[in-house]
Structures are given as structure tokens and as C-alpha cells.
Amino acid sequence: MIRVFVNGAFDLLHSGHLAFLKQAREQGDYLIVGLNSDASIGKYKSKDRPIENQETRKKKLLETKMVDEVIIFDEPSPMRIINEVRPDIIVRGHDQTIEPELSNYRFYRARQVGDISTTKILSKS
């Protein structure tokens, strides 16, 4: 079984997220999402985020049927989770960096599909 790992906030799950998760799922058999906790999102996004709480975001991710497991983490980096689950492949978005400490892992760089983000959605409201 090929285990794939992605991480992110996945706040207001939208078509860009779904395209990213689809690409990740295509890389293996079991997709694990490291989900930023509410507290961690508040530190790096803004005081008004997340829009949806971590349990709602987790539930929505699992309901996509592409995601097999969701692990919520509080740290600024998903390294602890990655070291625990030891995935076969880590998928990064087109705009995400690949940390040097992850050099022992295989990577897949997801391509951008459309030009949508939670920030852009919120700016239209």
C-alpha cells in the first residue's frame, strides 16, 4: 500500500482543494491529511480564521471519500506528523515549499487547477 501525505488548513473546502486532493489521491492508495488546528491557523492566517472549526473541516475532508485519515496538528510545521506516519509520498501544492528536512521523502508537486483560494472567496464577500 502506498501512503500519501498532504497538509493544510482546508478552510472553506472549495474546488481548488478538491482538485489538489484528487491529484494527491492519484499518487497512492491511502491519503492522510495533516490538518492545521484552529489555533495554528489563527497564528499564520489571521485572527478571523479559520472560518470553519477543525472538527467541521475534518468531517468535510473525510466526506470527500478521497481522504482516508485526518490528523489535526498544532505545530507550525507538520514534521512531527510526517515523522510518525512515514508516508511513501508527500504531495505539495504548486506554491508550497519543500523543507530540507524532508529530503528523504518522495515528492509530487500538484499542479494548480483554476485560480481559487479561501482568501479570494472571502475577499468577495
Protein backbone atom coordinates (compact mmCIF):
# COMPACT_ATOMS: atom_id res chain seq x y z
CA MET A 1 0.00 0.00 0.00
CA ILE A 2 1.33 3.43 -0.98
CA ARG A 3 0.61 6.03 1.70
CA VAL A 4 0.38 9.66 0.62
CA PHE A 5 0.53 12.71 2.89
CA VAL A 6 -0.70 16.28 2.40
CA ASN A 7 -1.20 19.07 4.88
CA GLY A 8 -3.01 22.34 5.09
CA ALA A 9 -5.84 24.37 6.61
CA PHE A 10 -8.56 23.34 4.13
CA ASP A 11 -10.74 26.19 5.39
CA LEU A 12 -13.96 26.52 3.38
CA LEU A 13 -13.31 23.41 1.29
CA HIS A 14 -13.51 24.56 -2.36
CA SER A 15 -12.87 23.27 -5.88
CA GLY A 16 -9.16 24.12 -5.68
CA HIS A 17 -8.83 21.96 -2.57
CA LEU A 18 -10.77 19.15 -4.22
CA ALA A 19 -8.53 19.23 -7.32
CA PHE A 20 -5.45 19.14 -5.07
CA LEU A 21 -6.82 16.20 -3.04
CA LYS A 22 -7.70 14.33 -6.24
CA GLN A 23 -4.13 14.71 -7.52
CA ALA A 24 -2.79 13.56 -4.16
CA ARG A 25 -5.09 10.54 -4.06
CA GLU A 26 -3.95 9.51 -7.55
CA GLN A 27 -0.40 9.12 -6.18
CA GLY A 28 -1.22 6.20 -3.89
CA ASP A 29 -3.71 4.00 -2.09
CA TYR A 30 -4.18 5.73 1.27
CA LEU A 31 -4.39 9.51 1.70
CA ILE A 32 -3.50 11.08 5.05
CA VAL A 33 -4.22 14.77 5.64
CA GLY A 34 -2.33 16.71 8.27
CA LEU A 35 -4.90 19.36 9.21
CA ASN A 36 -3.81 22.61 10.83
CA SER A 37 -5.67 23.11 14.11
CA ASP A 38 -7.82 26.17 14.70
CA ALA A 39 -5.13 27.65 16.95
CA SER A 40 -2.34 27.18 14.41
CA ILE A 41 -4.39 28.77 11.60
CA GLY A 42 -5.10 31.79 13.78
CA LYS A 43 -1.35 32.28 14.17
CA TYR A 44 -0.40 32.24 10.48
CA LYS A 45 -3.55 33.36 8.62
CA SER A 46 -5.42 35.99 10.63
CA LYS A 47 -7.40 36.42 13.82
CA ASP A 48 -10.61 35.87 11.84
CA ARG A 49 -9.60 32.45 10.58
CA PRO A 50 -10.44 29.66 10.35
CA ILE A 51 -13.97 30.21 9.15
CA GLU A 52 -14.92 26.60 9.95
CA ASN A 53 -13.65 24.84 13.06
CA GLN A 54 -11.23 21.93 12.89
CA GLU A 55 -13.85 19.25 13.54
CA THR A 56 -16.04 20.56 10.70
CA ARG A 57 -13.04 20.74 8.36
CA LYS A 58 -12.00 17.20 9.34
CA LYS A 59 -15.51 15.87 8.73
CA LYS A 60 -15.74 17.52 5.30
CA LEU A 61 -12.36 16.12 4.26
CA LEU A 62 -13.38 12.60 5.24
CA GLU A 63 -16.71 13.01 3.43
CA THR A 64 -14.90 13.59 0.13
CA LYS A 65 -14.11 9.84 0.06
CA MET A 66 -10.64 10.74 -1.27
CA VAL A 67 -9.24 11.14 2.24
CA ASP A 68 -8.68 8.09 4.44
CA GLU A 69 -7.34 9.71 7.60
CA VAL A 70 -7.10 13.21 9.08
CA ILE A 71 -4.62 14.11 11.81
CA ILE A 72 -5.03 17.52 13.43
CA PHE A 73 -1.80 19.23 14.48
CA ASP A 74 -0.99 22.43 16.41
CA GLU A 75 2.64 22.98 15.44
CA PRO A 76 3.71 25.45 12.74
CA SER A 77 5.17 22.55 10.73
CA PRO A 78 3.75 19.09 10.02
CA MET A 79 7.15 17.45 10.65
CA ARG A 80 6.05 15.59 13.79
CA ILE A 81 3.13 14.02 11.93
CA ILE A 82 5.27 13.18 8.90
CA ASN A 83 7.87 11.51 11.11
CA GLU A 84 5.13 9.50 12.84
CA VAL A 85 3.24 8.30 9.75
CA ARG A 86 6.30 7.92 7.45
CA PRO A 87 4.39 8.33 4.18
CA ASP A 88 5.71 6.98 0.90
CA ILE A 89 4.93 10.22 -0.95
CA ILE A 90 4.37 13.79 0.20
CA VAL A 91 2.27 15.96 -2.07
CA ARG A 92 2.85 19.70 -2.10
CA GLY A 93 0.84 22.40 -3.81
CA HIS A 94 2.33 24.41 -6.64
CA ASP A 95 3.12 27.26 -4.23
CA GLN A 96 4.33 25.27 -1.21
CA THR A 97 7.97 24.90 -0.26
CA ILE A 98 9.71 21.59 0.28
CA GLU A 99 11.55 21.73 3.57
CA PRO A 100 15.18 20.48 3.54
CA GLU A 101 14.44 18.11 6.45
CA LEU A 102 12.10 16.22 4.11
CA SER A 103 14.84 15.29 1.64
CA ASN A 104 14.44 11.55 2.42
CA TYR A 105 10.89 11.52 1.05
CA ARG A 106 9.48 11.25 -2.45
CA PHE A 107 7.50 14.27 -3.55
CA TYR A 108 4.82 15.05 -6.04
CA ARG A 109 4.22 18.68 -6.95
CA ALA A 110 0.49 19.18 -7.59
CA ARG A 111 -0.38 21.46 -10.44
CA GLN A 112 -2.68 24.40 -9.93
CA VAL A 113 -6.20 23.92 -11.24
CA GLY A 114 -8.03 27.22 -11.58
CA ASP A 115 -7.34 30.34 -9.59
CA ILE A 116 -9.34 29.91 -6.41
CA SER A 117 -8.42 30.26 -2.76
CA THR A 118 -10.25 30.74 0.50
CA THR A 119 -8.74 34.23 0.79
CA LYS A 120 -10.12 35.16 -2.64
CA ILE A 121 -13.53 33.77 -1.75
CA LEU A 122 -13.60 35.79 1.47
CA SER A 123 -12.49 38.99 -0.26
CA LYS A 124 -15.58 38.82 -2.49
CA SER A 125 -17.99 38.80 0.46
